[in-house]
C-alpha atoms as a PDB file:
ATOM      1  CA  UNK A   1      12.381 -49.730  10.109  1.00  0.00           C
ATOM      2  CA  UNK A   2      14.192 -53.277  10.116  1.00  0.00           C
ATOM      3  CA  UNK A   3      17.183 -51.881  11.476  1.00  0.00           C
ATOM      4  CA  UNK A   4      15.546 -50.417  14.104  1.00  0.00           C
ATOM      5  CA  UNK A   5      13.700 -53.320  15.138  1.00  0.00           C
ATOM      6  CA  UNK A   6      16.683 -54.935  15.151  1.00  0.00           C
ATOM      7  CA  UNK A   7      18.528 -53.199  17.332  1.00  0.00           C
ATOM      8  CA  UNK A   8      15.517 -52.749  19.834  1.00  0.00           C
ATOM      9  CA  UNK A   9      15.039 -57.034  19.577  1.00  0.00           C
ATOM     10  CA  UNK A  10      18.815 -57.220  20.628  1.00  0.00           C
ATOM     11  CA  UNK A  11      18.757 -54.672  23.613  1.00  0.00           C
ATOM     12  CA  UNK A  12      15.566 -55.669  24.913  1.00  0.00           C
ATOM     13  CA  UNK A  13      16.839 -59.442  25.175  1.00  0.00           C
ATOM     14  CA  UNK A  14      20.049 -58.664  26.843  1.00  0.00           C
ATOM     15  CA  UNK A  15      17.609 -56.545  29.319  1.00  0.00           C
ATOM     16  CA  UNK A  16      15.043 -59.132  30.069  1.00  0.00           C
ATOM     17  CA  UNK A  17      17.533 -62.147  30.198  1.00  0.00           C
ATOM     18  CA  UNK A  18      20.209 -59.926  31.728  1.00  0.00           C
ATOM     19  CA  UNK A  19      19.392 -60.412  35.550  1.00  0.00           C
ATOM     20  CA  UNK A  20      18.628 -64.280  35.253  1.00  0.00           C
ATOM     21  CA  UNK A  21      21.930 -64.805  33.564  1.00  0.00           C
ATOM     22  CA  UNK A  22      23.794 -63.065  36.281  1.00  0.00           C
ATOM     23  CA  UNK A  23      22.171 -65.026  38.818  1.00  0.00           C
ATOM     24  CA  UNK A  24      23.664 -68.251  37.028  1.00  0.00           C
ATOM     25  CA  UNK A  25      26.738 -66.945  36.909  1.00  0.00           C
ATOM     26  CA  UNK A  26      26.518 -66.121  40.670  1.00  0.00           C
ATOM     27  CA  UNK A  27      25.602 -69.718  41.557  1.00  0.00           C
ATOM     28  CA  UNK A  28      28.297 -71.451  39.390  1.00  0.00           C
ATOM     29  CA  UNK A  29      31.211 -69.226  40.508  1.00  0.00           C
ATOM     30  CA  UNK A  30      32.031 -67.940  37.052  1.00  0.00           C
ATOM     31  CA  UNK A  31      34.368 -65.329  38.748  1.00  0.00           C
ATOM     32  CA  UNK A  32      36.950 -63.121  37.241  1.00  0.00           C
ATOM     33  CA  UNK A  33      40.610 -63.529  38.318  1.00  0.00           C
ATOM     34  CA  UNK A  34      42.210 -59.806  38.463  1.00  0.00           C
ATOM     35  CA  UNK A  35      45.708 -59.958  37.335  1.00  0.00           C
ATOM     36  CA  UNK A  36      48.841 -59.221  40.104  1.00  0.00           C
ATOM     37  CA  UNK A  37      50.430 -56.673  37.129  1.00  0.00           C
ATOM     38  CA  UNK A  38      47.013 -54.549  37.325  1.00  0.00           C
ATOM     39  CA  UNK A  39      46.356 -51.310  38.871  1.00  0.00           C
ATOM     40  CA  UNK A  40      46.117 -52.231  42.825  1.00  0.00           C
ATOM     41  CA  UNK A  41      42.917 -50.451  42.693  1.00  0.00           C
ATOM     42  CA  UNK A  42      41.241 -53.371  40.330  1.00  0.00           C
ATOM     43  CA  UNK A  43      41.834 -56.239  43.001  1.00  0.00           C
ATOM     44  CA  UNK A  44      38.612 -55.092  44.766  1.00  0.00           C
ATOM     45  CA  UNK A  45      37.074 -56.343  41.173  1.00  0.00           C
ATOM     46  CA  UNK A  46      37.876 -59.850  42.007  1.00  0.00           C
ATOM     47  CA  UNK A  47      35.076 -62.063  42.383  1.00  0.00           C
ATOM     48  CA  UNK A  48      32.809 -60.154  39.790  1.00  0.00           C
ATOM     49  CA  UNK A  49      30.925 -63.029  37.399  1.00  0.00           C
ATOM     50  CA  UNK A  50      32.920 -63.411  34.272  1.00  0.00           C
ATOM     51  CA  UNK A  51      31.391 -64.769  31.007  1.00  0.00           C
ATOM     52  CA  UNK A  52      28.693 -62.221  30.081  1.00  0.00           C
ATOM     53  CA  UNK A  53      29.691 -62.303  26.285  1.00  0.00           C
ATOM     54  CA  UNK A  54      28.105 -65.401  26.260  1.00  0.00           C
ATOM     55  CA  UNK A  55      24.744 -63.298  26.945  1.00  0.00           C
ATOM     56  CA  UNK A  56      25.815 -60.665  24.014  1.00  0.00           C
ATOM     57  CA  UNK A  57      26.657 -63.405  21.558  1.00  0.00           C
ATOM     58  CA  UNK A  58      23.439 -65.361  22.197  1.00  0.00           C
ATOM     59  CA  UNK A  59      21.457 -62.097  21.759  1.00  0.00           C
ATOM     60  CA  UNK A  60      22.724 -60.889  18.900  1.00  0.00           C
ATOM     61  CA  UNK A  61      22.386 -64.201  17.284  1.00  0.00           C
ATOM     62  CA  UNK A  62      19.015 -63.913  17.826  1.00  0.00           C
ATOM     63  CA  UNK A  63      18.251 -61.126  17.058  1.00  0.00           C
ATOM     64  CA  UNK A  64      20.527 -60.903  13.568  1.00  0.00           C
ATOM     65  CA  UNK A  65      18.373 -64.335  12.397  1.00  0.00           C
ATOM     66  CA  UNK A  66      15.373 -62.110  13.224  1.00  0.00           C
ATOM     67  CA  UNK A  67      16.383 -59.055  11.379  1.00  0.00           C
ATOM     68  CA  UNK A  68      17.888 -61.094   8.532  1.00  0.00           C
ATOM     69  CA  UNK A  69      14.326 -63.062   8.025  1.00  0.00           C
ATOM     70  CA  UNK A  70      12.254 -59.873   8.240  1.00  0.00           C
ATOM     71  CA  UNK A  71      14.727 -57.749   5.257  1.00  0.00           C
ATOM     72  CA  UNK A  72      14.806 -61.275   3.388  1.00  0.00           C
ATOM     73  CA  UNK A  73      18.192 -60.549   2.381  1.00  0.00           C
ATOM     74  CA  UNK A  74      20.233 -63.622   3.207  1.00  0.00           C
ATOM     75  CA  UNK A  75      23.924 -63.346   1.593  1.00  0.00           C
ATOM     76  CA  UNK A  76      26.514 -65.641   2.347  1.00  0.00           C
ATOM     77  CA  UNK A  77      28.270 -62.881   3.530  1.00  0.00           C
ATOM     78  CA  UNK A  78      26.083 -62.924   6.243  1.00  0.00           C
ATOM     79  CA  UNK A  79      26.732 -66.224   7.061  1.00  0.00           C
ATOM     80  CA  UNK A  80      30.204 -65.747   7.044  1.00  0.00           C
ATOM     81  CA  UNK A  81      30.629 -62.963   9.381  1.00  0.00           C
ATOM     82  CA  UNK A  82      28.190 -64.624  11.878  1.00  0.00           C
ATOM     83  CA  UNK A  83      30.375 -67.732  11.689  1.00  0.00           C
ATOM     84  CA  UNK A  84      33.250 -65.302  12.464  1.00  0.00           C
ATOM     85  CA  UNK A  85      31.709 -63.918  15.353  1.00  0.00           C
ATOM     86  CA  UNK A  86      30.723 -67.579  17.050  1.00  0.00           C
ATOM     87  CA  UNK A  87      34.338 -69.094  16.415  1.00  0.00           C
ATOM     88  CA  UNK A  88      35.950 -65.958  18.179  1.00  0.00           C
ATOM     89  CA  UNK A  89      33.514 -66.109  20.719  1.00  0.00           C
ATOM     90  CA  UNK A  90      34.069 -69.838  21.160  1.00  0.00           C
ATOM     91  CA  UNK A  91      38.162 -69.468  21.472  1.00  0.00           C
ATOM     92  CA  UNK A  92      37.438 -66.575  23.902  1.00  0.00           C
ATOM     93  CA  UNK A  93      34.836 -68.936  25.717  1.00  0.00           C
ATOM     94  CA  UNK A  94      37.607 -71.769  25.771  1.00  0.00           C
ATOM     95  CA  UNK A  95      40.208 -68.749  27.364  1.00  0.00           C
ATOM     96  CA  UNK A  96      37.651 -67.683  29.735  1.00  0.00           C
ATOM     97  CA  UNK A  97      36.755 -71.688  30.767  1.00  0.00           C
ATOM     98  CA  UNK A  98      40.655 -72.278  31.165  1.00  0.00           C
ATOM     99  CA  UNK A  99      40.940 -69.126  33.527  1.00  0.00           C
ATOM    100  CA  UNK A 100      37.997 -69.571  36.221  1.00  0.00           C
ATOM    101  CA  UNK A 101      39.250 -73.585  36.109  1.00  0.00           C
ATOM    102  CA  UNK A 102      42.850 -72.714  36.947  1.00  0.00           C
ATOM    103  CA  UNK A 103      41.250 -70.279  39.365  1.00  0.00           C
ATOM    104  CA  UNK A 104      43.968 -67.467  37.963  1.00  0.00           C
ATOM    105  CA  UNK A 105      44.126 -64.733  34.993  1.00  0.00           C
ATOM    106  CA  UNK A 106      45.778 -67.503  33.098  1.00  0.00           C
ATOM    107  CA  UNK A 107      44.006 -69.234  30.094  1.00  0.00           C
ATOM    108  CA  UNK A 108      45.087 -70.211  26.303  1.00  0.00           C
ATOM    109  CA  UNK A 109      48.814 -69.710  25.731  1.00  0.00           C
ATOM    110  CA  UNK A 110      49.189 -66.342  23.856  1.00  0.00           C
ATOM    111  CA  UNK A 111      50.586 -68.523  20.650  1.00  0.00           C
ATOM    112  CA  UNK A 112      47.835 -70.863  20.850  1.00  0.00           C
ATOM    113  CA  UNK A 113      44.801 -68.413  21.030  1.00  0.00           C
ATOM    114  CA  UNK A 114      46.834 -66.394  18.115  1.00  0.00           C
ATOM    115  CA  UNK A 115      47.192 -69.599  15.769  1.00  0.00           C
ATOM    116  CA  UNK A 116      43.264 -70.106  16.752  1.00  0.00           C
ATOM    117  CA  UNK A 117      42.323 -66.497  15.834  1.00  0.00           C
ATOM    118  CA  UNK A 118      44.157 -66.965  12.336  1.00  0.00           C
ATOM    119  CA  UNK A 119      42.909 -69.822  11.406  1.00  0.00           C
ATOM    120  CA  UNK A 120      39.317 -68.706  11.828  1.00  0.00           C
ATOM    121  CA  UNK A 121      40.603 -65.135  10.016  1.00  0.00           C
ATOM    122  CA  UNK A 122      41.418 -67.038   7.277  1.00  0.00           C
ATOM    123  CA  UNK A 123      37.958 -68.243   6.388  1.00  0.00           C
ATOM    124  CA  UNK A 124      36.294 -64.635   5.751  1.00  0.00           C
ATOM    125  CA  UNK A 125      39.837 -63.508   4.223  1.00  0.00           C
ATOM    126  CA  UNK A 126      40.105 -66.316   1.557  1.00  0.00           C
ATOM    127  CA  UNK A 127      36.332 -65.708   0.567  1.00  0.00           C
ATOM    128  CA  UNK A 128      36.551 -62.055  -0.245  1.00  0.00           C
ATOM    129  CA  UNK A 129      39.628 -62.979  -1.940  1.00  0.00           C
ATOM    130  CA  UNK A 130      38.372 -65.838  -4.386  1.00  0.00           C
ATOM    131  CA  UNK A 131      35.072 -63.388  -5.287  1.00  0.00           C
ATOM    132  CA  UNK A 132      37.853 -61.270  -6.671  1.00  0.00           C
ATOM    133  CA  UNK A 133      37.747 -58.311  -4.058  1.00  0.00           C
ATOM    134  CA  UNK A 134      41.104 -58.729  -3.222  1.00  0.00           C
ATOM    135  CA  UNK A 135      41.558 -54.914  -3.131  1.00  0.00           C
ATOM    136  CA  UNK A 136      41.748 -52.149  -0.498  1.00  0.00           C
ATOM    137  CA  UNK A 137      39.829 -48.711  -0.706  1.00  0.00           C
ATOM    138  CA  UNK A 138      42.499 -45.457  -0.279  1.00  0.00           C
ATOM    139  CA  UNK A 139      40.392 -42.272  -0.319  1.00  0.00           C
ATOM    140  CA  UNK A 140      38.242 -43.356  -3.439  1.00  0.00           C
ATOM    141  CA  UNK A 141      41.263 -45.385  -4.966  1.00  0.00           C
ATOM    142  CA  UNK A 142      41.281 -49.287  -5.271  1.00  0.00           C
ATOM    143  CA  UNK A 143      44.674 -50.897  -4.577  1.00  0.00           C
ATOM    144  CA  UNK A 144      44.607 -54.615  -5.640  1.00  0.00           C
ATOM    145  CA  UNK A 145      46.759 -56.736  -2.896  1.00  0.00           C
ATOM    146  CA  UNK A 146      45.879 -60.081  -5.044  1.00  0.00           C
ATOM    147  CA  UNK A 147      47.360 -63.011  -3.266  1.00  0.00           C
ATOM    148  CA  UNK A 148      48.776 -60.974  -0.412  1.00  0.00           C
ATOM    149  CA  UNK A 149      44.739 -59.410   0.448  1.00  0.00           C
ATOM    150  CA  UNK A 150      43.827 -62.994   2.547  1.00  0.00           C
ATOM    151  CA  UNK A 151      46.930 -62.416   4.567  1.00  0.00           C
ATOM    152  CA  UNK A 152      46.166 -58.620   4.935  1.00  0.00           C
ATOM    153  CA  UNK A 153      42.623 -58.999   5.683  1.00  0.00           C
ATOM    154  CA  UNK A 154      43.542 -61.769   8.432  1.00  0.00           C
ATOM    155  CA  UNK A 155      45.828 -59.524  10.212  1.00  0.00           C
ATOM    156  CA  UNK A 156      43.121 -56.518  10.425  1.00  0.00           C
ATOM    157  CA  UNK A 157      40.924 -59.050  11.656  1.00  0.00           C
ATOM    158  CA  UNK A 158      43.321 -60.784  14.050  1.00  0.00           C
ATOM    159  CA  UNK A 159      44.275 -57.521  15.122  1.00  0.00           C
ATOM    160  CA  UNK A 160      40.970 -56.234  15.689  1.00  0.00           C
ATOM    161  CA  UNK A 161      40.305 -59.151  17.986  1.00  0.00           C
ATOM    162  CA  UNK A 162      43.179 -58.754  20.258  1.00  0.00           C
ATOM    163  CA  UNK A 163      42.676 -54.757  20.491  1.00  0.00           C
ATOM    164  CA  UNK A 164      39.326 -54.979  21.801  1.00  0.00           C
ATOM    165  CA  UNK A 165      40.332 -57.898  24.220  1.00  0.00           C
ATOM    166  CA  UNK A 166      42.857 -55.105  25.462  1.00  0.00           C
ATOM    167  CA  UNK A 167      40.693 -52.512  25.650  1.00  0.00           C
ATOM    168  CA  UNK A 168      38.290 -54.508  27.961  1.00  0.00           C
ATOM    169  CA  UNK A 169      40.066 -53.455  31.337  1.00  0.00           C
ATOM    170  CA  UNK A 170      37.666 -51.014  32.965  1.00  0.00           C
ATOM    171  CA  UNK A 171      33.673 -51.210  33.666  1.00  0.00           C
ATOM    172  CA  UNK A 172      32.081 -50.793  30.466  1.00  0.00           C
ATOM    173  CA  UNK A 173      35.016 -49.238  28.280  1.00  0.00           C
ATOM    174  CA  UNK A 174      34.850 -52.268  25.705  1.00  0.00           C
ATOM    175  CA  UNK A 175      31.195 -52.433  25.361  1.00  0.00           C
ATOM    176  CA  UNK A 176      30.739 -48.764  24.747  1.00  0.00           C
ATOM    177  CA  UNK A 177      33.637 -48.004  22.582  1.00  0.00           C
ATOM    178  CA  UNK A 178      32.344 -51.452  20.507  1.00  0.00           C
ATOM    179  CA  UNK A 179      28.678 -49.953  20.189  1.00  0.00           C
ATOM    180  CA  UNK A 180      30.075 -46.869  19.227  1.00  0.00           C
ATOM    181  CA  UNK A 181      32.408 -48.481  16.493  1.00  0.00           C
ATOM    182  CA  UNK A 182      29.017 -50.690  15.692  1.00  0.00           C
ATOM    183  CA  UNK A 183      27.043 -47.737  15.139  1.00  0.00           C
ATOM    184  CA  UNK A 184      29.073 -46.238  12.907  1.00  0.00           C
ATOM    185  CA  UNK A 185      29.599 -49.237  10.513  1.00  0.00           C
ATOM    186  CA  UNK A 186      25.895 -49.859  10.860  1.00  0.00           C
ATOM    187  CA  UNK A 187      25.268 -46.264   9.201  1.00  0.00           C
ATOM    188  CA  UNK A 188      28.083 -46.617   6.859  1.00  0.00           C
ATOM    189  CA  UNK A 189      26.582 -50.126   5.598  1.00  0.00           C
ATOM    190  CA  UNK A 190      23.289 -48.604   5.448  1.00  0.00           C
ATOM    191  CA  UNK A 191      24.481 -45.906   3.316  1.00  0.00           C
ATOM    192  CA  UNK A 192      26.295 -48.521   1.030  1.00  0.00           C
ATOM    193  CA  UNK A 193      23.597 -50.332   0.435  1.00  0.00           C
ATOM    194  CA  UNK A 194      24.698 -53.569   2.504  1.00  0.00           C
ATOM    195  CA  UNK A 195      21.929 -53.910   4.642  1.00  0.00           C
ATOM    196  CA  UNK A 196      22.608 -57.412   5.568  1.00  0.00           C
ATOM    197  CA  UNK A 197      25.562 -56.483   7.288  1.00  0.00           C
ATOM    198  CA  UNK A 198      23.808 -53.338   8.705  1.00  0.00           C
ATOM    199  CA  UNK A 199      21.555 -55.919  10.419  1.00  0.00           C
ATOM    200  CA  UNK A 200      24.359 -57.711  11.896  1.00  0.00           C
ATOM    201  CA  UNK A 201      26.466 -54.452  13.537  1.00  0.00           C
ATOM    202  CA  UNK A 202      23.188 -53.150  14.464  1.00  0.00           C
ATOM    203  CA  UNK A 203      22.197 -56.281  16.461  1.00  0.00           C
ATOM    204  CA  UNK A 204      25.220 -56.497  18.361  1.00  0.00           C
ATOM    205  CA  UNK A 205      25.554 -52.806  19.027  1.00  0.00           C
ATOM    206  CA  UNK A 206      22.211 -53.398  20.163  1.00  0.00           C
ATOM    207  CA  UNK A 207      23.209 -56.082  22.731  1.00  0.00           C
ATOM    208  CA  UNK A 208      26.451 -54.220  23.407  1.00  0.00           C
ATOM    209  CA  UNK A 209      23.950 -51.399  24.596  1.00  0.00           C
ATOM    210  CA  UNK A 210      21.636 -53.471  26.608  1.00  0.00           C
ATOM    211  CA  UNK A 211      25.254 -55.112  28.308  1.00  0.00           C
ATOM    212  CA  UNK A 212      26.463 -51.831  29.524  1.00  0.00           C
ATOM    213  CA  UNK A 213      23.306 -52.028  32.528  1.00  0.00           C
ATOM    214  CA  UNK A 214      25.027 -54.792  33.805  1.00  0.00           C
ATOM    215  CA  UNK A 215      28.553 -53.700  32.764  1.00  0.00           C
ATOM    216  CA  UNK A 216      28.762 -50.312  33.654  1.00  0.00           C
ATOM    217  CA  UNK A 217      30.630 -48.932  36.782  1.00  0.00           C
ATOM    218  CA  UNK A 218      30.710 -50.627  39.252  1.00  0.00           C
ATOM    219  CA  UNK A 219      30.070 -53.528  36.737  1.00  0.00           C
ATOM    220  CA  UNK A 220      27.777 -56.461  38.059  1.00  0.00           C
ATOM    221  CA  UNK A 221      30.001 -58.594  35.364  1.00  0.00           C
ATOM    222  CA  UNK A 222      32.330 -58.642  32.914  1.00  0.00           C
ATOM    223  CA  UNK A 223      32.232 -59.697  29.214  1.00  0.00           C
ATOM    224  CA  UNK A 224      35.387 -61.685  29.560  1.00  0.00           C
ATOM    225  CA  UNK A 225      37.179 -63.146  26.236  1.00  0.00           C
ATOM    226  CA  UNK A 226      34.396 -64.837  24.671  1.00  0.00           C
ATOM    227  CA  UNK A 227      33.115 -60.901  24.523  1.00  0.00           C
ATOM    228  CA  UNK A 228      35.786 -59.149  23.743  1.00  0.00           C
ATOM    229  CA  UNK A 229      37.502 -61.437  21.176  1.00  0.00           C
ATOM    230  CA  UNK A 230      34.458 -62.112  19.716  1.00  0.00           C
ATOM    231  CA  UNK A 231      33.390 -58.616  19.562  1.00  0.00           C
ATOM    232  CA  UNK A 232      36.908 -57.726  18.099  1.00  0.00           C
ATOM    233  CA  UNK A 233      36.624 -60.763  15.335  1.00  0.00           C
ATOM    234  CA  UNK A 234      33.406 -59.134  14.280  1.00  0.00           C
ATOM    235  CA  UNK A 235      34.355 -56.200  14.042  1.00  0.00           C
ATOM    236  CA  UNK A 236      37.187 -56.707  12.010  1.00  0.00           C
ATOM    237  CA  UNK A 237      35.613 -59.453  10.007  1.00  0.00           C
ATOM    238  CA  UNK A 238      32.643 -56.661   9.013  1.00  0.00           C
ATOM    239  CA  UNK A 239      35.700 -54.120   7.962  1.00  0.00           C
ATOM    240  CA  UNK A 240      36.938 -56.851   5.466  1.00  0.00           C
ATOM    241  CA  UNK A 241      33.207 -57.974   4.310  1.00  0.00           C
ATOM    242  CA  UNK A 242      32.268 -54.276   3.754  1.00  0.00           C
ATOM    243  CA  UNK A 243      35.364 -53.342   2.134  1.00  0.00           C
ATOM    244  CA  UNK A 244      36.044 -50.457   4.722  1.00  0.00           C
ATOM    245  CA  UNK A 245      39.190 -51.913   5.891  1.00  0.00           C
ATOM    246  CA  UNK A 246      41.407 -49.000   6.204  1.00  0.00           C
ATOM    247  CA  UNK A 247      38.426 -46.882   7.531  1.00  0.00           C
ATOM    248  CA  UNK A 248      39.004 -49.383  10.319  1.00  0.00           C
ATOM    249  CA  UNK A 249      41.518 -47.692  11.632  1.00  0.00           C
ATOM    250  CA  UNK A 250      39.651 -44.358  12.673  1.00  0.00           C
ATOM    251  CA  UNK A 251      36.170 -46.071  13.199  1.00  0.00           C
ATOM    252  CA  UNK A 252      37.910 -48.180  15.857  1.00  0.00           C
ATOM    253  CA  UNK A 253      40.695 -45.391  16.912  1.00  0.00           C
ATOM    254  CA  UNK A 254      40.457 -46.066  20.784  1.00  0.00           C
ATOM    255  CA  UNK A 255      41.371 -49.938  20.214  1.00  0.00           C
ATOM    256  CA  UNK A 256      44.379 -48.755  18.109  1.00  0.00           C
ATOM    257  CA  UNK A 257      45.773 -46.777  20.527  1.00  0.00           C
ATOM    258  CA  UNK A 258      45.349 -49.380  23.354  1.00  0.00           C
ATOM    259  CA  UNK A 259      47.280 -51.620  21.134  1.00  0.00           C
ATOM    260  CA  UNK A 260      49.784 -49.046  20.021  1.00  0.00           C
ATOM    261  CA  UNK A 261      50.276 -48.536  23.940  1.00  0.00           C
ATOM    262  CA  UNK A 262      51.116 -51.942  24.709  1.00  0.00           C
ATOM    263  CA  UNK A 263      53.799 -52.548  21.740  1.00  0.00           C
ATOM    264  CA  UNK A 264      55.479 -49.045  22.793  1.00  0.00           C
ATOM    265  CA  UNK A 265      55.642 -50.121  26.431  1.00  0.00           C
ATOM    266  CA  UNK A 266      57.091 -53.220  25.339  1.00  0.00           C
ATOM    267  CA  UNK A 267      59.535 -51.716  22.759  1.00  0.00           C
ATOM    268  CA  UNK A 268      60.903 -49.401  24.893  1.00  0.00           C
ATOM    269  CA  UNK A 269      61.189 -51.560  28.025  1.00  0.00           C
ATOM    270  CA  UNK A 270      63.250 -54.265  25.898  1.00  0.00           C
ATOM    271  CA  UNK A 271      65.293 -51.835  24.261  1.00  0.00           C
ATOM    272  CA  UNK A 272      66.011 -49.032  26.916  1.00  0.00           C
ATOM    273  CA  UNK A 273      64.784 -50.510  30.148  1.00  0.00           C
ATOM    274  CA  UNK A 274      62.491 -47.460  30.310  1.00  0.00           C
ATOM    275  CA  UNK A 275      58.516 -47.483  30.140  1.00  0.00           C
ATOM    276  CA  UNK A 276      56.554 -44.904  27.971  1.00  0.00           C
ATOM    277  CA  UNK A 277      53.776 -45.212  30.065  1.00  0.00           C
ATOM    278  CA  UNK A 278      52.738 -45.705  33.462  1.00  0.00           C
ATOM    279  CA  UNK A 279      50.879 -48.900  32.786  1.00  0.00           C
ATOM    280  CA  UNK A 280      49.426 -50.458  29.490  1.00  0.00           C
ATOM    281  CA  UNK A 281      47.329 -50.667  27.922  1.00  0.00           C
ATOM    282  CA  UNK A 282      46.396 -47.071  27.528  1.00  0.00           C
ATOM    283  CA  UNK A 283      43.492 -46.884  30.281  1.00  0.00           C
ATOM    284  CA  UNK A 284      45.721 -47.879  32.863  1.00  0.00           C
ATOM    285  CA  UNK A 285      47.873 -45.286  32.251  1.00  0.00           C
ATOM    286  CA  UNK A 286      45.524 -42.629  32.816  1.00  0.00           C
ATOM    287  CA  UNK A 287      44.363 -44.317  35.711  1.00  0.00           C
ATOM    288  CA  UNK A 288      47.681 -44.173  37.349  1.00  0.00           C
ATOM    289  CA  UNK A 289      47.706 -40.640  36.589  1.00  0.00           C
ATOM    290  CA  UNK A 290      44.816 -39.984  38.760  1.00  0.00           C
ATOM    291  CA  UNK A 291      41.914 -39.843  36.410  1.00  0.00           C
ATOM    292  CA  UNK A 292      38.996 -41.667  37.741  1.00  0.00           C
ATOM    293  CA  UNK A 293      37.953 -45.404  36.157  1.00  0.00           C
ATOM    294  CA  UNK A 294      34.618 -43.069  35.059  1.00  0.00           C
ATOM    295  CA  UNK A 295      36.506 -40.545  33.904  1.00  0.00           C
ATOM    296  CA  UNK A 296      38.676 -42.562  31.856  1.00  0.00           C
ATOM    297  CA  UNK A 297      35.684 -44.508  30.094  1.00  0.00           C
ATOM    298  CA  UNK A 298      33.925 -41.493  28.918  1.00  0.00           C
ATOM    299  CA  UNK A 299      36.761 -39.815  27.867  1.00  0.00           C
ATOM    300  CA  UNK A 300      37.547 -42.972  25.578  1.00  0.00           C
ATOM    301  CA  UNK A 301      34.224 -43.074  24.585  1.00  0.00           C
ATOM    302  CA  UNK A 302      34.423 -39.671  23.530  1.00  0.00           C
ATOM    303  CA  UNK A 303      37.157 -39.702  21.709  1.00  0.00           C
ATOM    304  CA  UNK A 304      35.867 -42.753  19.806  1.00  0.00           C
ATOM    305  CA  UNK A 305      32.766 -41.255  18.874  1.00  0.00           C
ATOM    306  CA  UNK A 306      34.706 -38.512  17.353  1.00  0.00           C
ATOM    307  CA  UNK A 307      36.984 -40.696  15.543  1.00  0.00           C
ATOM    308  CA  UNK A 308      33.998 -42.614  14.281  1.00  0.00           C
ATOM    309  CA  UNK A 309      32.391 -39.417  13.105  1.00  0.00           C
ATOM    310  CA  UNK A 310      35.420 -38.101  10.985  1.00  0.00           C
ATOM    311  CA  UNK A 311      35.401 -41.727   9.717  1.00  0.00           C
ATOM    312  CA  UNK A 312      32.122 -41.212   8.251  1.00  0.00           C
ATOM    313  CA  UNK A 313      33.087 -37.868   6.827  1.00  0.00           C
ATOM    314  CA  UNK A 314      35.919 -39.328   5.248  1.00  0.00           C
ATOM    315  CA  UNK A 315      33.952 -41.936   3.531  1.00  0.00           C
ATOM    316  CA  UNK A 316      31.047 -40.247   1.902  1.00  0.00           C
ATOM    317  CA  UNK A 317      32.444 -36.501   1.752  1.00  0.00           C
ATOM    318  CA  UNK A 318      36.591 -36.916   1.398  1.00  0.00           C
ATOM    319  CA  UNK A 319      36.430 -40.439  -0.231  1.00  0.00           C
END
């Protein structure tokens, strides 16, 4: 009951605050700058208000706080997850601010952003290690990584944050796939008895669903790095704290595919001078193959849902 209430609170808050927040973005000229290397069709999106991630974060925090209060089970785990979410969102906010201030699609340096992400990721990583959970679950078997675990966990969190950031390239793509991933995690946490984590994940899921009203094609506003880095950091942290690190590969299969497409593209071009894809990340490849933006987004949502369901089956029937 509390899970459903938390989701509805978050969803309704975003829907109610969305329009006034959008007007604030428009009045203050917080506009998106489109990278020149992207598809030519995306240049028409230049000037769309960005920073919608702030709306997702604020509404998620309010709904999470309400849900945890109703649940009356607030643990340090929930504080760690929310802190990680907030700090990753702030990294994204700084990146968005720099882009707006410079009036170009260049914010924090790649090295600077990665360093900040890694430092934040060490907070949940070391906490989980110090609480004696330096193991990973492999199909029902536990493998203790010992002192290597914090670095593995940090890799999961940083990798997920950047993967969601790469996925945020089409209207509704990141918000939709994040909603699907968070829905799967919520169900897993409920069945596993991790209700405090379920409250947080469902709160953010509700915010993402509400945000789709303003972010679906044609988008009225973008979430920006505030949203994508924050969502990725949250999902990665939930996986680490909830001990479903490896299962995240399936739950976030779309994010993994997007990231791998970029890695393969860079390696191939640097070693052979040839490109594997017409353009990376993967969603741009399909666009240049002639798919409409909506078709790409809906196809990726479907793929994400299938993989998330597969993760659920593996966790509770094969694991």
